[in-house]
């Protein structure tokens, strides 16, 4: 089992190279595959109530876990192909969100930043 994005990235890169699949892993193709997998994840929640979506049975929970894994795999491959450090990008994005959504102003409010009065 891998315990870091770096190890997962190396494993996925080796997997693709061993199969000569890097030729198919263009940023465009990986982004499209990632979107497709996100759609497959959504299918598991379509038509469920909020309560049902939070209490998945074991079988559906495993299926959701595998869809989430597919999304992570494609995202890590895309980051590798574009030479993007995902953790650094996530840190930057969290900092942006902290500034856009100060806790004292938005606590308990789900509106988008553009919907707030200044």
Protein backbone atom coordinates (compact mmCIF):
# COMPACT_ATOMS: atom_id res chain seq x y z
CA UNK A 1 0.00 0.00 0.00
CA UNK A 2 1.25 3.47 -0.84
CA UNK A 3 1.27 6.11 1.84
CA UNK A 4 2.08 9.27 -0.11
CA UNK A 5 1.21 10.96 -3.37
CA UNK A 6 4.87 10.68 -4.37
CA UNK A 7 4.82 6.90 -3.98
CA UNK A 8 1.46 6.62 -5.75
CA UNK A 9 2.73 8.80 -8.59
CA UNK A 10 5.82 6.60 -9.01
CA UNK A 11 3.72 3.44 -8.97
CA UNK A 12 1.27 4.82 -11.53
CA UNK A 13 4.07 6.05 -13.77
CA UNK A 14 5.73 2.62 -13.68
CA UNK A 15 2.36 0.96 -14.38
CA UNK A 16 1.80 3.17 -17.45
CA UNK A 17 5.37 2.73 -18.74
CA UNK A 18 5.31 -1.06 -18.34
CA UNK A 19 2.23 -1.13 -20.59
CA UNK A 20 3.41 1.60 -23.00
CA UNK A 21 0.35 3.66 -22.09
CA UNK A 22 2.06 7.00 -21.59
CA UNK A 23 1.35 7.69 -25.26
CA UNK A 24 -2.35 7.78 -24.35
CA UNK A 25 -1.94 9.82 -21.19
CA UNK A 26 -2.03 13.30 -22.65
CA UNK A 27 -3.35 16.01 -20.36
CA UNK A 28 -6.51 16.21 -22.51
CA UNK A 29 -7.15 12.47 -22.33
CA UNK A 30 -6.47 12.29 -18.61
CA UNK A 31 -8.75 15.27 -17.90
CA UNK A 32 -11.52 13.64 -19.95
CA UNK A 33 -11.05 10.31 -18.16
CA UNK A 34 -11.13 12.09 -14.81
CA UNK A 35 -14.42 13.79 -15.72
CA UNK A 36 -15.88 10.46 -16.80
CA UNK A 37 -14.93 8.84 -13.51
CA UNK A 38 -16.44 11.76 -11.59
CA UNK A 39 -19.67 11.09 -13.48
CA UNK A 40 -19.51 7.43 -12.48
CA UNK A 41 -19.09 8.50 -8.86
CA UNK A 42 -22.15 10.73 -9.12
CA UNK A 43 -24.24 7.82 -10.38
CA UNK A 44 -23.88 6.11 -7.01
CA UNK A 45 -25.56 9.07 -5.29
CA UNK A 46 -28.16 9.95 -7.90
CA UNK A 47 -31.66 9.87 -6.45
CA UNK A 48 -30.50 9.15 -2.90
CA UNK A 49 -31.67 11.30 -0.02
CA UNK A 50 -29.11 13.13 2.11
CA UNK A 51 -29.49 10.43 4.77
CA UNK A 52 -29.12 7.57 2.30
CA UNK A 53 -26.01 9.15 0.80
CA UNK A 54 -24.42 9.35 4.25
CA UNK A 55 -25.27 5.74 5.15
CA UNK A 56 -24.16 3.65 2.19
CA UNK A 57 -24.31 -0.10 2.53
CA UNK A 58 -21.03 -2.03 2.38
CA UNK A 59 -21.33 -2.93 -1.30
CA UNK A 60 -22.12 0.58 -2.49
CA UNK A 61 -19.49 2.06 -0.19
CA UNK A 62 -16.85 -0.18 -1.79
CA UNK A 63 -18.02 0.78 -5.28
CA UNK A 64 -17.80 4.47 -4.30
CA UNK A 65 -14.31 3.90 -2.88
CA UNK A 66 -13.15 2.40 -6.19
CA UNK A 67 -14.63 5.28 -8.20
CA UNK A 68 -12.88 7.72 -5.89
CA UNK A 69 -9.66 5.78 -6.43
CA UNK A 70 -10.09 6.07 -10.21
CA UNK A 71 -10.50 9.83 -9.83
CA UNK A 72 -7.38 10.08 -7.67
CA UNK A 73 -5.39 7.94 -10.11
CA UNK A 74 -6.28 10.10 -13.09
CA UNK A 75 -5.68 13.29 -11.10
CA UNK A 76 -2.23 12.11 -9.99
CA UNK A 77 -1.36 11.08 -13.56
CA UNK A 78 -2.53 14.45 -14.89
CA UNK A 79 -0.46 16.29 -12.31
CA UNK A 80 2.59 14.22 -13.28
CA UNK A 81 2.12 14.95 -16.96
CA UNK A 82 1.77 18.70 -16.29
CA UNK A 83 4.51 18.78 -13.62
CA UNK A 84 2.12 20.11 -10.97
CA UNK A 85 2.72 19.50 -7.28
CA UNK A 86 -0.80 18.62 -6.12
CA UNK A 87 -0.12 19.15 -2.43
CA UNK A 88 1.44 22.56 -3.04
CA UNK A 89 -1.48 23.51 -5.31
CA UNK A 90 -3.96 22.34 -2.65
CA UNK A 91 -2.15 24.39 0.00
CA UNK A 92 -2.36 27.47 -2.24
CA UNK A 93 -6.06 26.87 -2.91
CA UNK A 94 -6.89 26.44 0.79
CA UNK A 95 -5.11 29.73 1.52
CA UNK A 96 -7.15 31.43 -1.22
CA UNK A 97 -10.37 29.97 0.20
CA UNK A 98 -9.45 31.05 3.73
CA UNK A 99 -9.13 34.62 2.47
CA UNK A 100 -12.31 34.49 0.35
CA UNK A 101 -14.38 32.85 3.07
CA UNK A 102 -13.36 34.23 6.48
CA UNK A 103 -14.86 31.98 9.15
CA UNK A 104 -16.33 34.87 11.13
CA UNK A 105 -18.23 36.05 8.02
CA UNK A 106 -19.42 32.80 6.47
CA UNK A 107 -19.94 30.35 9.33
CA UNK A 108 -23.00 28.22 8.53
CA UNK A 109 -23.66 29.96 5.19
CA UNK A 110 -23.24 28.00 1.94
CA UNK A 111 -23.38 30.91 -0.51
CA UNK A 112 -20.60 31.43 -3.03
CA UNK A 113 -18.11 34.24 -2.39
CA UNK A 114 -19.64 36.31 -5.22
CA UNK A 115 -22.99 36.28 -3.40
CA UNK A 116 -21.76 38.08 -0.29
CA UNK A 117 -22.35 41.78 0.24
CA UNK A 118 -19.19 43.69 1.00
